[in-house]
PDB file of N, CA and C in Angstrom:
ATOM      1  N   MET A   1     119.360 123.036  66.287  1.00  0.00           N
ATOM      2  CA  MET A   1     120.011 121.818  65.861  1.00  0.00           C
ATOM      3  C   MET A   1     119.044 121.001  65.003  1.00  0.00           C
ATOM      4  N   VAL A   2     119.515 120.528  63.878  1.00  0.00           N
ATOM      5  CA  VAL A   2     118.699 119.769  62.953  1.00  0.00           C
ATOM      6  C   VAL A   2     118.758 118.287  63.330  1.00  0.00           C
ATOM      7  N   PHE A   3     117.590 117.657  63.415  1.00  0.00           N
ATOM      8  CA  PHE A   3     117.516 116.233  63.737  1.00  0.00           C
ATOM      9  C   PHE A   3     117.901 115.422  62.507  1.00  0.00           C
ATOM     10  N   CYS A   4     118.805 114.495  62.688  1.00  0.00           N
ATOM     11  CA  CYS A   4     119.249 113.624  61.612  1.00  0.00           C
ATOM     12  C   CYS A   4     119.059 112.175  62.062  1.00  0.00           C
ATOM     13  N   PRO A   5     118.020 111.505  61.572  1.00  0.00           N
ATOM     14  CA  PRO A   5     117.756 110.147  62.048  1.00  0.00           C
ATOM     15  C   PRO A   5     118.892 109.168  61.753  1.00  0.00           C
ATOM     16  N   ILE A   6     119.591 109.358  60.671  1.00  0.00           N
ATOM     17  CA  ILE A   6     120.693 108.450  60.346  1.00  0.00           C
ATOM     18  C   ILE A   6     121.830 108.630  61.344  1.00  0.00           C
ATOM     19  N   ARG A   7     122.195 109.868  61.632  1.00  0.00           N
ATOM     20  CA  ARG A   7     123.245 110.133  62.616  1.00  0.00           C
ATOM     21  C   ARG A   7     122.831 109.621  63.999  1.00  0.00           C
ATOM     22  N   GLU A   8     121.573 109.848  64.343  1.00  0.00           N
ATOM     23  CA  GLU A   8     121.053 109.382  65.632  1.00  0.00           C
ATOM     24  C   GLU A   8     121.148 107.852  65.731  1.00  0.00           C
ATOM     25  N   MET A   9     120.750 107.146  64.677  1.00  0.00           N
ATOM     26  CA  MET A   9     120.819 105.684  64.688  1.00  0.00           C
ATOM     27  C   MET A   9     122.273 105.228  64.763  1.00  0.00           C
ATOM     28  N   ARG A  10     123.141 105.857  64.004  1.00  0.00           N
ATOM     29  CA  ARG A  10     124.570 105.507  64.036  1.00  0.00           C
ATOM     30  C   ARG A  10     125.132 105.673  65.442  1.00  0.00           C
ATOM     31  N   ASP A  11     124.764 106.755  66.107  1.00  0.00           N
ATOM     32  CA  ASP A  11     125.232 106.996  67.473  1.00  0.00           C
ATOM     33  C   ASP A  11     124.653 105.973  68.449  1.00  0.00           C
ATOM     34  N   ARG A  12     123.386 105.615  68.265  1.00  0.00           N
ATOM     35  CA  ARG A  12     122.765 104.618  69.139  1.00  0.00           C
ATOM     36  C   ARG A  12     123.414 103.244  68.940  1.00  0.00           C
ATOM     37  N   MET A  13     123.724 102.919  67.698  1.00  0.00           N
ATOM     38  CA  MET A  13     124.378 101.637  67.417  1.00  0.00           C
ATOM     39  C   MET A  13     125.763 101.597  68.067  1.00  0.00           C
ATOM     40  N   ALA A  14     126.520 102.677  67.926  1.00  0.00           N
ATOM     41  CA  ALA A  14     127.869 102.738  68.517  1.00  0.00           C
ATOM     42  C   ALA A  14     127.787 102.632  70.033  1.00  0.00           C
ATOM     43  N   SER A  15     126.858 103.339  70.637  1.00  0.00           N
ATOM     44  CA  SER A  15     126.708 103.323  72.087  1.00  0.00           C
ATOM     45  C   SER A  15     126.306 101.933  72.583  1.00  0.00           C
ATOM     46  N   SER A  16     125.358 101.310  71.909  1.00  0.00           N
ATOM     47  CA  SER A  16     124.913  99.973  72.312  1.00  0.00           C
ATOM     48  C   SER A  16     126.022  98.948  72.166  1.00  0.00           C
ATOM     49  N   MET A  17     126.774  99.037  71.073  1.00  0.00           N
ATOM     50  CA  MET A  17     127.881  98.108  70.874  1.00  0.00           C
ATOM     51  C   MET A  17     128.934  98.303  71.959  1.00  0.00           C
ATOM     52  N   ALA A  18     129.263  99.536  72.268  1.00  0.00           N
ATOM     53  CA  ALA A  18     130.254  99.822  73.315  1.00  0.00           C
ATOM     54  C   ALA A  18     129.783  99.281  74.661  1.00  0.00           C
ATOM     55  N   ASN A  19     128.492  99.433  74.970  1.00  0.00           N
ATOM     56  CA  ASN A  19     127.960  98.928  76.238  1.00  0.00           C
ATOM     57  C   ASN A  19     128.088  97.411  76.328  1.00  0.00           C
ATOM     58  N   LEU A  20     127.910  96.725  75.214  1.00  0.00           N
ATOM     59  CA  LEU A  20     128.063  95.271  75.202  1.00  0.00           C
ATOM     60  C   LEU A  20     129.529  94.865  75.385  1.00  0.00           C
ATOM     61  N   MET A  21     130.427  95.638  74.799  1.00  0.00           N
ATOM     62  CA  MET A  21     131.845  95.276  74.808  1.00  0.00           C
ATOM     63  C   MET A  21     132.558  95.663  76.098  1.00  0.00           C
ATOM     64  N   VAL A  22     132.060  96.664  76.800  1.00  0.00           N
ATOM     65  CA  VAL A  22     132.771  97.203  77.949  1.00  0.00           C
ATOM     66  C   VAL A  22     132.956  96.177  79.071  1.00  0.00           C
ATOM     67  N   SER A  23     132.026  95.265  79.219  1.00  0.00           N
ATOM     68  CA  SER A  23     132.139  94.277  80.297  1.00  0.00           C
ATOM     69  C   SER A  23     132.899  93.022  79.873  1.00  0.00           C
ATOM     70  N   ASP A  24     133.370  93.004  78.642  1.00  0.00           N
ATOM     71  CA  ASP A  24     134.081  91.836  78.113  1.00  0.00           C
ATOM     72  C   ASP A  24     135.579  92.108  78.082  1.00  0.00           C
ATOM     73  N   PRO A  25     136.363  91.420  78.941  1.00  0.00           N
ATOM     74  CA  PRO A  25     137.816  91.655  78.929  1.00  0.00           C
ATOM     75  C   PRO A  25     138.462  91.259  77.601  1.00  0.00           C
ATOM     76  N   GLY A  26     137.801  90.426  76.821  1.00  0.00           N
ATOM     77  CA  GLY A  26     138.318  90.030  75.507  1.00  0.00           C
ATOM     78  C   GLY A  26     137.681  90.804  74.367  1.00  0.00           C
ATOM     79  N   TRP A  27     137.298  92.051  74.637  1.00  0.00           N
ATOM     80  CA  TRP A  27     136.576  92.840  73.637  1.00  0.00           C
ATOM     81  C   TRP A  27     137.368  93.040  72.356  1.00  0.00           C
ATOM     82  N   ARG A  28     138.689  93.035  72.448  1.00  0.00           N
ATOM     83  CA  ARG A  28     139.492  93.238  71.232  1.00  0.00           C
ATOM     84  C   ARG A  28     139.342  92.057  70.264  1.00  0.00           C
ATOM     85  N   GLU A  29     139.134  90.850  70.788  1.00  0.00           N
ATOM     86  CA  GLU A  29     138.898  89.686  69.928  1.00  0.00           C
ATOM     87  C   GLU A  29     137.578  89.859  69.172  1.00  0.00           C
ATOM     88  N   GLU A  30     136.561  90.311  69.883  1.00  0.00           N
ATOM     89  CA  GLU A  30     135.276  90.567  69.222  1.00  0.00           C
ATOM     90  C   GLU A  30     135.423  91.693  68.201  1.00  0.00           C
ATOM     91  N   ALA A  31     136.200  92.707  68.534  1.00  0.00           N
ATOM     92  CA  ALA A  31     136.456  93.799  67.592  1.00  0.00           C
ATOM     93  C   ALA A  31     137.135  93.262  66.337  1.00  0.00           C
ATOM     94  N   SER A  32     138.047  92.331  66.510  1.00  0.00           N
ATOM     95  CA  SER A  32     138.733  91.722  65.372  1.00  0.00           C
ATOM     96  C   SER A  32     137.748  90.958  64.489  1.00  0.00           C
ATOM     97  N   GLN A  33     136.814  90.254  65.092  1.00  0.00           N
ATOM     98  CA  GLN A  33     135.797  89.524  64.328  1.00  0.00           C
ATOM     99  C   GLN A  33     134.898  90.492  63.555  1.00  0.00           C
ATOM    100  N   ILE A  34     134.575  91.602  64.173  1.00  0.00           N
ATOM    101  CA  ILE A  34     133.772  92.625  63.503  1.00  0.00           C
ATOM    102  C   ILE A  34     134.529  93.173  62.305  1.00  0.00           C
ATOM    103  N   MET A  35     135.810  93.439  62.488  1.00  0.00           N
ATOM    104  CA  MET A  35     136.616  93.961  61.385  1.00  0.00           C
ATOM    105  C   MET A  35     136.710  92.949  60.244  1.00  0.00           C
ATOM    106  N   ASP A  36     136.846  91.668  60.571  1.00  0.00           N
ATOM    107  CA  ASP A  36     136.878  90.629  59.533  1.00  0.00           C
ATOM    108  C   ASP A  36     135.575  90.609  58.746  1.00  0.00           C
ATOM    109  N   LEU A  37     134.460  90.717  59.454  1.00  0.00           N
ATOM    110  CA  LEU A  37     133.157  90.736  58.791  1.00  0.00           C
ATOM    111  C   LEU A  37     133.025  91.961  57.889  1.00  0.00           C
ATOM    112  N   LEU A  38     133.437  93.101  58.390  1.00  0.00           N
ATOM    113  CA  LEU A  38     133.375  94.318  57.576  1.00  0.00           C
ATOM    114  C   LEU A  38     134.291  94.226  56.367  1.00  0.00           C
ATOM    115  N   ASP A  39     135.488  93.691  56.555  1.00  0.00           N
ATOM    116  CA  ASP A  39     136.413  93.516  55.430  1.00  0.00           C
ATOM    117  C   ASP A  39     135.790  92.647  54.342  1.00  0.00           C
ATOM    118  N   SER A  40     135.086  91.581  54.751  1.00  0.00           N
ATOM    119  CA  SER A  40     134.462  90.693  53.764  1.00  0.00           C
ATOM    120  C   SER A  40     133.367  91.409  52.985  1.00  0.00           C
ATOM    121  N   ALA A  41     132.826  92.481  53.561  1.00  0.00           N
ATOM    122  CA  ALA A  41     131.801  93.281  52.897  1.00  0.00           C
ATOM    123  C   ALA A  41     132.408  94.498  52.195  1.00  0.00           C
ATOM    124  N   ASP A  42     133.733  94.493  52.058  1.00  0.00           N
ATOM    125  CA  ASP A  42     134.468  95.597  51.422  1.00  0.00           C
ATOM    126  C   ASP A  42     134.278  96.930  52.140  1.00  0.00           C
ATOM    127  N   ILE A  43     134.157  96.859  53.449  1.00  0.00           N
ATOM    128  CA  ILE A  43     134.123  98.062  54.288  1.00  0.00           C
ATOM    129  C   ILE A  43     135.429  98.061  55.072  1.00  0.00           C
ATOM    130  N   PHE A  44     136.315  98.928  54.673  1.00  0.00           N
ATOM    131  CA  PHE A  44     137.664  98.923  55.241  1.00  0.00           C
ATOM    132  C   PHE A  44     137.841 100.091  56.206  1.00  0.00           C
ATOM    133  N   ALA A  45     137.240  99.958  57.365  1.00  0.00           N
ATOM    134  CA  ALA A  45     137.343 100.970  58.414  1.00  0.00           C
ATOM    135  C   ALA A  45     138.614 100.731  59.215  1.00  0.00           C
ATOM    136  N   LEU A  46     139.146 101.783  59.780  1.00  0.00           N
ATOM    137  CA  LEU A  46     140.332 101.695  60.625  1.00  0.00           C
ATOM    138  C   LEU A  46     140.048 102.379  61.961  1.00  0.00           C
ATOM    139  N   PRO A  47     139.202 101.770  62.782  1.00  0.00           N
ATOM    140  CA  PRO A  47     138.860 102.414  64.056  1.00  0.00           C
ATOM    141  C   PRO A  47     140.046 102.449  65.008  1.00  0.00           C
ATOM    142  N   GLU A  48     140.055 103.484  65.813  1.00  0.00           N
ATOM    143  CA  GLU A  48     141.093 103.649  66.822  1.00  0.00           C
ATOM    144  C   GLU A  48     140.412 103.777  68.176  1.00  0.00           C
ATOM    145  N   GLY A  49     141.140 103.445  69.217  1.00  0.00           N
ATOM    146  CA  GLY A  49     140.604 103.631  70.557  1.00  0.00           C
ATOM    147  C   GLY A  49     141.101 102.566  71.498  1.00  0.00           C
ATOM    148  N   GLU A  50     141.420 102.988  72.698  1.00  0.00           N
ATOM    149  CA  GLU A  50     141.931 102.074  73.724  1.00  0.00           C
ATOM    150  C   GLU A  50     140.824 101.498  74.590  1.00  0.00           C
ATOM    151  N   THR A  51     139.610 102.024  74.447  1.00  0.00           N
ATOM    152  CA  THR A  51     138.474 101.527  75.214  1.00  0.00           C
ATOM    153  C   THR A  51     137.377 101.116  74.224  1.00  0.00           C
ATOM    154  N   PRO A  52     136.462 100.253  74.640  1.00  0.00           N
ATOM    155  CA  PRO A  52     135.366  99.890  73.740  1.00  0.00           C
ATOM    156  C   PRO A  52     134.577 101.111  73.249  1.00  0.00           C
ATOM    157  N   LYS A  53     134.331 102.058  74.134  1.00  0.00           N
ATOM    158  CA  LYS A  53     133.572 103.249  73.738  1.00  0.00           C
ATOM    159  C   LYS A  53     134.301 104.040  72.654  1.00  0.00           C
ATOM    160  N   ALA A  54     135.578 104.298  72.853  1.00  0.00           N
ATOM    161  CA  ALA A  54     136.352 105.058  71.862  1.00  0.00           C
ATOM    162  C   ALA A  54     136.450 104.289  70.550  1.00  0.00           C
ATOM    163  N   TRP A  55     136.654 102.978  70.630  1.00  0.00           N
ATOM    164  CA  TRP A  55     136.778 102.153  69.435  1.00  0.00           C
ATOM    165  C   TRP A  55     135.470 102.166  68.638  1.00  0.00           C
ATOM    166  N   CYS A  56     134.354 101.983  69.328  1.00  0.00           N
ATOM    167  CA  CYS A  56     133.054 101.952  68.653  1.00  0.00           C
ATOM    168  C   CYS A  56     132.704 103.312  68.049  1.00  0.00           C
ATOM    169  N   GLN A  57     132.966 104.380  68.771  1.00  0.00           N
ATOM    170  CA  GLN A  57     132.699 105.710  68.225  1.00  0.00           C
ATOM    171  C   GLN A  57     133.528 105.945  66.967  1.00  0.00           C
ATOM    172  N   SER A  58     134.771 105.533  66.997  1.00  0.00           N
ATOM    173  CA  SER A  58     135.637 105.682  65.834  1.00  0.00           C
ATOM    174  C   SER A  58     135.132 104.831  64.669  1.00  0.00           C
ATOM    175  N   LEU A  59     134.759 103.597  64.951  1.00  0.00           N
ATOM    176  CA  LEU A  59     134.264 102.690  63.921  1.00  0.00           C
ATOM    177  C   LEU A  59     133.038 103.265  63.221  1.00  0.00           C
ATOM    178  N   PHE A  60     132.097 103.754  63.997  1.00  0.00           N
ATOM    179  CA  PHE A  60     130.835 104.218  63.425  1.00  0.00           C
ATOM    180  C   PHE A  60     130.948 105.569  62.727  1.00  0.00           C
ATOM    181  N   GLN A  61     132.114 106.189  62.756  1.00  0.00           N
ATOM    182  CA  GLN A  61     132.325 107.423  61.997  1.00  0.00           C
ATOM    183  C   GLN A  61     132.680 107.136  60.538  1.00  0.00           C
ATOM    184  N   HIS A  62     132.997 105.897  60.222  1.00  0.00           N
ATOM    185  CA  HIS A  62     133.317 105.522  58.841  1.00  0.00           C
ATOM    186  C   HIS A  62     132.098 105.809  57.954  1.00  0.00           C
ATOM    187  N   SER A  63     132.345 106.291  56.757  1.00  0.00           N
ATOM    188  CA  SER A  63     131.256 106.697  55.864  1.00  0.00           C
ATOM    189  C   SER A  63     130.257 105.582  55.570  1.00  0.00           C
ATOM    190  N   ALA A  64     130.684 104.334  55.560  1.00  0.00           N
ATOM    191  CA  ALA A  64     129.767 103.226  55.270  1.00  0.00           C
ATOM    192  C   ALA A  64     128.684 103.076  56.327  1.00  0.00           C
ATOM    193  N   PHE A  65     128.941 103.573  57.528  1.00  0.00           N
ATOM    194  CA  PHE A  65     127.976 103.373  58.598  1.00  0.00           C
ATOM    195  C   PHE A  65     126.738 104.240  58.460  1.00  0.00           C
ATOM    196  N   SER A  66     126.779 105.261  57.619  1.00  0.00           N
ATOM    197  CA  SER A  66     125.553 106.008  57.342  1.00  0.00           C
ATOM    198  C   SER A  66     124.570 105.102  56.614  1.00  0.00           C
ATOM    199  N   GLY A  67     125.071 104.353  55.629  1.00  0.00           N
ATOM    200  CA  GLY A  67     124.220 103.410  54.907  1.00  0.00           C
ATOM    201  C   GLY A  67     123.740 102.273  55.791  1.00  0.00           C
ATOM    202  N   LEU A  68     124.621 101.788  56.663  1.00  0.00           N
ATOM    203  CA  LEU A  68     124.228 100.712  57.572  1.00  0.00           C
ATOM    204  C   LEU A  68     123.192 101.208  58.581  1.00  0.00           C
ATOM    205  N   ALA A  69     123.349 102.448  59.037  1.00  0.00           N
ATOM    206  CA  ALA A  69     122.363 103.032  59.958  1.00  0.00           C
ATOM    207  C   ALA A  69     121.019 103.205  59.259  1.00  0.00           C
ATOM    208  N   GLU A  70     121.058 103.593  57.997  1.00  0.00           N
ATOM    209  CA  GLU A  70     119.823 103.730  57.225  1.00  0.00           C
ATOM    210  C   GLU A  70     119.117 102.376  57.105  1.00  0.00           C
ATOM    211  N   THR A  71     119.890 101.317  56.881  1.00  0.00           N
ATOM    212  CA  THR A  71     119.328  99.963  56.835  1.00  0.00           C
ATOM    213  C   THR A  71     118.710  99.599  58.177  1.00  0.00           C
ATOM    214  N   ALA A  72     119.377  99.962  59.270  1.00  0.00           N
ATOM    215  CA  ALA A  72     118.851  99.684  60.607  1.00  0.00           C
ATOM    216  C   ALA A  72     117.505 100.383  60.817  1.00  0.00           C
ATOM    217  N   ILE A  73     117.391 101.605  60.328  1.00  0.00           N
ATOM    218  CA  ILE A  73     116.129 102.343  60.433  1.00  0.00           C
ATOM    219  C   ILE A  73     115.050 101.636  59.622  1.00  0.00           C
ATOM    220  N   GLU A  74     115.382 101.261  58.389  1.00  0.00           N
ATOM    221  CA  GLU A  74     114.412 100.588  57.515  1.00  0.00           C
ATOM    222  C   GLU A  74     113.939  99.270  58.120  1.00  0.00           C
ATOM    223  N   ARG A  75     114.835  98.566  58.793  1.00  0.00           N
ATOM    224  CA  ARG A  75     114.493  97.270  59.396  1.00  0.00           C
ATOM    225  C   ARG A  75     113.945  97.408  60.810  1.00  0.00           C
ATOM    226  N   GLU A  76     113.802  98.652  61.257  1.00  0.00           N
ATOM    227  CA  GLU A  76     113.272  98.968  62.587  1.00  0.00           C
ATOM    228  C   GLU A  76     114.050  98.260  63.696  1.00  0.00           C
ATOM    229  N   ILE A  77     115.354  98.257  63.561  1.00  0.00           N
ATOM    230  CA  ILE A  77     116.235  97.643  64.547  1.00  0.00           C
ATOM    231  C   ILE A  77     116.342  98.559  65.770  1.00  0.00           C
ATOM    232  N   VAL A  78     116.281  97.960  66.939  1.00  0.00           N
ATOM    233  CA  VAL A  78     116.462  98.686  68.194  1.00  0.00           C
ATOM    234  C   VAL A  78     117.820  98.241  68.749  1.00  0.00           C
ATOM    235  N   PRO A  79     118.857  99.077  68.598  1.00  0.00           N
ATOM    236  CA  PRO A  79     120.215  98.663  68.975  1.00  0.00           C
ATOM    237  C   PRO A  79     120.353  98.117  70.386  1.00  0.00           C
ATOM    238  N   LYS A  80     119.677  98.706  71.354  1.00  0.00           N
ATOM    239  CA  LYS A  80     119.846  98.245  72.740  1.00  0.00           C
ATOM    240  C   LYS A  80     119.245  96.868  72.973  1.00  0.00           C
ATOM    241  N   GLU A  81     118.474  96.352  72.016  1.00  0.00           N
ATOM    242  CA  GLU A  81     117.898  95.014  72.142  1.00  0.00           C
ATOM    243  C   GLU A  81     118.786  93.929  71.527  1.00  0.00           C
ATOM    244  N   ILE A  82     119.886  94.324  70.928  1.00  0.00           N
ATOM    245  CA  ILE A  82     120.801  93.364  70.309  1.00  0.00           C
ATOM    246  C   ILE A  82     121.758  92.852  71.370  1.00  0.00           C
ATOM    247  N   GLY A  83     121.960  91.543  71.395  1.00  0.00           N
ATOM    248  CA  GLY A  83     122.711  90.922  72.475  1.00  0.00           C
ATOM    249  C   GLY A  83     124.195  90.728  72.251  1.00  0.00           C
ATOM    250  N   ARG A  84     124.662  90.814  71.000  1.00  0.00           N
ATOM    251  CA  ARG A  84     126.090  90.618  70.717  1.00  0.00           C
ATOM    252  C   ARG A  84     126.578  91.705  69.764  1.00  0.00           C
ATOM    253  N   PRO A  85     127.772  92.234  69.993  1.00  0.00           N
ATOM    254  CA  PRO A  85     128.299  93.258  69.096  1.00  0.00           C
ATOM    255  C   PRO A  85     128.338  92.812  67.630  1.00  0.00           C
ATOM    256  N   LEU A  86     128.713  91.575  67.384  1.00  0.00           N
ATOM    257  CA  LEU A  86     128.786  91.083  66.010  1.00  0.00           C
ATOM    258  C   LEU A  86     127.405  91.111  65.346  1.00  0.00           C
ATOM    259  N   ASP A  87     126.363  90.847  66.127  1.00  0.00           N
ATOM    260  CA  ASP A  87     125.003  90.888  65.583  1.00  0.00           C
ATOM    261  C   ASP A  87     124.603  92.300  65.170  1.00  0.00           C
ATOM    262  N   MET A  88     125.174  93.307  65.843  1.00  0.00           N
ATOM    263  CA  MET A  88     124.879  94.690  65.482  1.00  0.00           C
ATOM    264  C   MET A  88     125.243  94.931  64.011  1.00  0.00           C
ATOM    265  N   ILE A  89     126.326  94.320  63.574  1.00  0.00           N
ATOM    266  CA  ILE A  89     126.770  94.468  62.184  1.00  0.00           C
ATOM    267  C   ILE A  89     126.026  93.487  61.284  1.00  0.00           C
ATOM    268  N   ASN A  90     125.919  92.237  61.713  1.00  0.00           N
ATOM    269  CA  ASN A  90     125.226  91.223  60.909  1.00  0.00           C
ATOM    270  C   ASN A  90     123.814  91.640  60.539  1.00  0.00           C
ATOM    271  N   ASN A  91     123.136  92.312  61.433  1.00  0.00           N
ATOM    272  CA  ASN A  91     121.744  92.692  61.202  1.00  0.00           C
ATOM    273  C   ASN A  91     121.556  93.781  60.152  1.00  0.00           C
ATOM    274  N   VAL A  92     122.626  94.456  59.788  1.00  0.00           N
ATOM    275  CA  VAL A  92     122.482  95.554  58.816  1.00  0.00           C
ATOM    276  C   VAL A  92     123.260  95.332  57.510  1.00  0.00           C
ATOM    277  N   LEU A  93     124.063  94.291  57.456  1.00  0.00           N
ATOM    278  CA  LEU A  93     124.776  93.992  56.208  1.00  0.00           C
ATOM    279  C   LEU A  93     123.839  93.273  55.241  1.00  0.00           C
ATOM    280  N   PRO A  94     124.044  93.473  53.956  1.00  0.00           N
ATOM    281  CA  PRO A  94     123.271  92.670  52.989  1.00  0.00           C
ATOM    282  C   PRO A  94     123.516  91.184  53.269  1.00  0.00           C
ATOM    283  N   SER A  95     122.527  90.363  53.047  1.00  0.00           N
ATOM    284  CA  SER A  95     122.595  88.942  53.432  1.00  0.00           C
ATOM    285  C   SER A  95     123.777  88.211  52.830  1.00  0.00           C
ATOM    286  N   VAL A  96     124.282  88.624  51.702  1.00  0.00           N
ATOM    287  CA  VAL A  96     125.407  87.946  51.085  1.00  0.00           C
ATOM    288  C   VAL A  96     126.671  88.036  51.949  1.00  0.00           C
ATOM    289  N   TYR A  97     126.744  89.022  52.823  1.00  0.00           N
ATOM    290  CA  TYR A  97     127.933  89.223  53.659  1.00  0.00           C
ATOM    291  C   TYR A  97     127.783  88.728  55.086  1.00  0.00           C
ATOM    292  N   ARG A  98     126.605  88.328  55.459  1.00  0.00           N
ATOM    293  CA  ARG A  98     126.363  87.978  56.869  1.00  0.00           C
ATOM    294  C   ARG A  98     127.141  86.760  57.284  1.00  0.00           C
ATOM    295  N   ASP A  99     127.555  86.811  58.543  1.00  0.00           N
ATOM    296  CA  ASP A  99     128.314  85.732  59.161  1.00  0.00           C
ATOM    297  C   ASP A  99     127.425  84.536  59.447  1.00  0.00           C
TER     298      ASP A  99
END
């Protein structure tokens, strides 16, 4: 198996975001805010999933997340240290799009 740091970071980001959302009964509201932020950055993902884990895995499969994961690597972001799902996205978007 070939190691792919971008795929690994994308998976870590999705897992960390899902872990943050799983304990929040209003996770769909946060998901909606994430989608609004992504839309403003012209990233039009259509994630599916009835659980936070499924939704996050679906979201991070969008092609734009390879570039966002690469940015996370460049900025030495540690996904499990991020405290809010929205920050997971804010930390990797170009500053012009940040919330």
